């Protein structure tokens, strides 16, 4: 079963009506199905970042207020459902723990020279969560790279790939 770690921008894309993100929207819609053929993972940080990202779209007149008023509660409802049904949910939420904070700090130091990309604080936290998920899933999946990091952010994508994680840009998804 494939595991997808969704960066906040990928989640926002999945809730949008922009045709450029049809693959991401389809992925998120499939999570409603009863046959679980994939797992989704977000960090606890995403529950905060999504509101900021969606409000920025509204401020920049890239999203109508009606969509903003729908998207944030819809996402938070999905998060609440995942927390309630943790044992059977396909949506997993990685908490921001002391270990995640230490790993993010190490990642910031590792990428201080910007090679392959500079890593900003929130991206370091997201990458630390993705790597933590990978550490848990890889032994079970028997794969060197057990998860896909789904992101539009090229800095995060470059660093994730450097950490030997598979990366998907939802604007250019893999062909089946």
Protein backbone atom coordinates (compact mmCIF):
# COMPACT_ATOMS: atom_id res chain seq x y z
CA UNK A 1 0.00 0.00 0.00
CA UNK A 2 1.51 3.35 -0.95
CA UNK A 3 1.89 6.02 1.72
CA UNK A 4 1.65 9.70 0.79
CA UNK A 5 2.98 12.43 3.05
CA UNK A 6 1.09 15.57 2.04
CA UNK A 7 2.70 18.96 2.45
CA UNK A 8 0.23 21.73 3.24
CA UNK A 9 0.30 23.09 -0.31
CA UNK A 10 -0.70 19.68 -1.63
CA UNK A 11 -3.65 19.55 0.77
CA UNK A 12 -4.77 23.03 -0.33
CA UNK A 13 -4.44 21.91 -3.96
CA UNK A 14 -6.61 18.88 -3.23
CA UNK A 15 -9.42 21.07 -1.95
CA UNK A 16 -9.21 23.53 -4.84
CA UNK A 17 -11.18 23.55 -8.07
CA UNK A 18 -8.12 24.50 -10.10
CA UNK A 19 -7.89 22.03 -13.03
CA UNK A 20 -4.11 21.97 -12.57
CA UNK A 21 -4.67 19.98 -9.37
CA UNK A 22 -7.14 17.37 -10.63
CA UNK A 23 -4.81 14.50 -9.67
CA UNK A 24 -4.52 15.72 -6.07
CA UNK A 25 -8.27 16.28 -5.81
CA UNK A 26 -8.84 12.76 -7.12
CA UNK A 27 -6.41 11.33 -4.58
CA UNK A 28 -8.17 13.03 -1.70
CA UNK A 29 -11.61 12.04 -2.99
CA UNK A 30 -10.53 8.40 -3.16
CA UNK A 31 -9.83 8.45 0.57
CA UNK A 32 -13.58 8.48 1.06
CA UNK A 33 -13.79 5.02 -0.53
CA UNK A 34 -14.10 2.01 1.75
CA UNK A 35 -11.32 0.02 0.07
CA UNK A 36 -8.13 1.40 1.55
CA UNK A 37 -5.49 1.13 -1.15
CA UNK A 38 -3.36 4.05 0.05
CA UNK A 39 -2.57 5.93 3.24
CA UNK A 40 -2.25 9.67 3.71
CA UNK A 41 -0.08 11.38 6.28
CA UNK A 42 0.08 15.02 7.33
CA UNK A 43 1.90 16.75 10.13
CA UNK A 44 0.10 18.47 12.96
CA UNK A 45 1.63 21.63 11.53
CA UNK A 46 -0.66 21.32 8.50
CA UNK A 47 -3.72 21.99 10.67
CA UNK A 48 -2.29 25.46 11.32
CA UNK A 49 -0.62 26.09 7.98
CA UNK A 50 -3.73 25.34 5.93
CA UNK A 51 -5.68 28.27 7.37
CA UNK A 52 -2.74 30.60 6.74
CA UNK A 53 -2.34 29.34 3.16
CA UNK A 54 -6.04 29.53 2.34
CA UNK A 55 -6.41 33.02 3.84
CA UNK A 56 -3.40 34.15 1.78
CA UNK A 57 -5.18 32.94 -1.37
CA UNK A 58 -8.21 34.96 -0.35
CA UNK A 59 -6.18 38.09 0.41
CA UNK A 60 -4.42 37.81 -2.96
CA UNK A 61 -7.78 37.38 -4.69
CA UNK A 62 -6.84 33.89 -5.88
CA UNK A 63 -9.74 32.24 -4.04
CA UNK A 64 -13.33 33.35 -3.46
CA UNK A 65 -14.56 33.84 0.09
CA UNK A 66 -17.18 31.10 -0.35
CA UNK A 67 -14.48 28.55 -1.11
CA UNK A 68 -12.37 29.77 1.82
CA UNK A 69 -15.37 29.44 4.15
CA UNK A 70 -15.88 25.86 2.91
CA UNK A 71 -12.27 24.61 2.57
CA UNK A 72 -10.95 25.23 6.08
CA UNK A 73 -13.91 23.66 7.95
CA UNK A 74 -13.97 20.73 5.47
CA UNK A 75 -10.29 20.05 6.10
CA UNK A 76 -10.65 20.40 9.86
CA UNK A 77 -13.62 18.01 9.76
CA UNK A 78 -11.46 15.44 7.95
CA UNK A 79 -8.74 15.92 10.58
CA UNK A 80 -11.25 15.46 13.41
CA UNK A 81 -12.54 12.28 11.78
CA UNK A 82 -9.00 10.95 11.45
CA UNK A 83 -8.25 11.67 15.09
CA UNK A 84 -11.52 10.01 16.19
CA UNK A 85 -11.06 6.92 14.03
CA UNK A 86 -7.31 6.63 14.44
CA UNK A 87 -7.25 2.81 14.48
CA UNK A 88 -9.10 2.47 11.17
CA UNK A 89 -8.28 5.75 9.45
CA UNK A 90 -6.10 6.00 6.39
CA UNK A 91 -5.32 9.59 7.28
CA UNK A 92 -2.52 9.76 9.80
CA UNK A 93 -1.37 12.85 11.65
CA UNK A 94 2.23 13.10 12.83
CA UNK A 95 2.47 15.09 16.06
CA UNK A 96 5.18 17.71 16.50
CA UNK A 97 7.23 16.10 19.25
CA UNK A 98 10.58 16.97 20.79
CA UNK A 99 12.18 14.34 18.53
CA UNK A 100 10.62 15.97 15.45
CA UNK A 101 11.88 19.38 16.57
CA UNK A 102 15.42 17.99 17.03
CA UNK A 103 15.34 16.34 13.62
CA UNK A 104 14.08 19.55 11.99
CA UNK A 105 16.90 21.46 13.64
CA UNK A 106 19.43 18.95 12.28
CA UNK A 107 17.92 19.32 8.80
CA UNK A 108 18.21 23.12 8.94
CA UNK A 109 21.91 22.76 9.83
CA UNK A 110 22.42 20.10 7.14
CA UNK A 111 20.99 22.35 4.40
CA UNK A 112 22.52 25.60 5.65
CA UNK A 113 24.51 26.05 2.44
CA UNK A 114 21.43 25.68 0.26
CA UNK A 115 22.58 22.45 -1.36
CA UNK A 116 20.49 21.14 -3.07
CA UNK A 117 18.06 23.74 -1.68
CA UNK A 118 17.82 25.90 1.41
CA UNK A 119 15.37 24.54 3.95
CA UNK A 120 13.17 26.96 5.86
CA UNK A 121 11.82 26.30 9.34
CA UNK A 122 8.33 25.06 8.50
CA UNK A 123 9.63 22.95 5.61
CA UNK A 124 12.21 21.45 7.97
CA UNK A 125 9.39 20.47 10.33
CA UNK A 126 7.38 18.97 7.45
CA UNK A 127 10.43 17.05 6.21
CA UNK A 128 11.20 15.81 9.73
CA UNK A 129 7.62 14.48 9.94
CA UNK A 130 7.93 12.82 6.53
CA UNK A 131 11.23 11.19 7.53
CA UNK A 132 9.73 10.02 10.82
CA UNK A 133 6.87 8.45 8.89
CA UNK A 134 9.34 6.84 6.51
CA UNK A 135 11.28 5.38 9.46
CA UNK A 136 8.09 3.72 10.73
CA UNK A 137 6.76 2.53 7.38
CA UNK A 138 9.92 1.39 5.56
CA UNK A 139 10.57 -1.74 7.65
CA UNK A 140 6.95 -2.84 7.25
CA UNK A 141 6.82 -2.08 3.52
CA UNK A 142 10.26 -3.63 2.95
CA UNK A 143 11.22 -0.73 0.70
CA UNK A 144 14.13 1.68 0.89
CA UNK A 145 11.80 4.58 0.16
CA UNK A 146 8.40 3.67 1.52
CA UNK A 147 6.54 6.96 1.17
CA UNK A 148 5.89 9.64 -1.39
CA UNK A 149 6.25 13.28 -0.35
CA UNK A 150 3.59 15.23 -2.23
CA UNK A 151 4.49 18.91 -2.50
CA UNK A 152 4.50 21.85 -4.85
CA UNK A 153 7.33 23.49 -2.89
CA UNK A 154 10.54 23.02 -4.86
CA UNK A 155 12.78 23.64 -1.85
CA UNK A 156 11.06 20.94 0.18
CA UNK A 157 11.00 18.63 -2.85
CA UNK A 158 14.73 19.02 -3.42
CA UNK A 159 15.60 18.31 0.20
CA UNK A 160 13.17 15.37 0.40
CA UNK A 161 14.71 13.84 -2.72
CA UNK A 162 18.17 14.43 -1.22
CA UNK A 163 16.98 12.44 1.81
CA UNK A 164 16.09 9.62 -0.63
CA UNK A 165 12.35 10.09 -0.39
CA UNK A 166 10.23 9.84 -3.51
CA UNK A 167 8.63 13.16 -4.44
CA UNK A 168 5.47 13.91 -6.40
CA UNK A 169 4.53 17.36 -7.62
CA UNK A 170 0.70 17.21 -7.83
CA UNK A 171 0.81 19.46 -10.89
CA UNK A 172 2.87 16.79 -12.69
CA UNK A 173 1.72 13.48 -11.21
CA UNK A 174 3.09 10.11 -12.20
CA UNK A 175 1.29 8.23 -14.91
CA UNK A 176 -0.43 5.03 -13.77
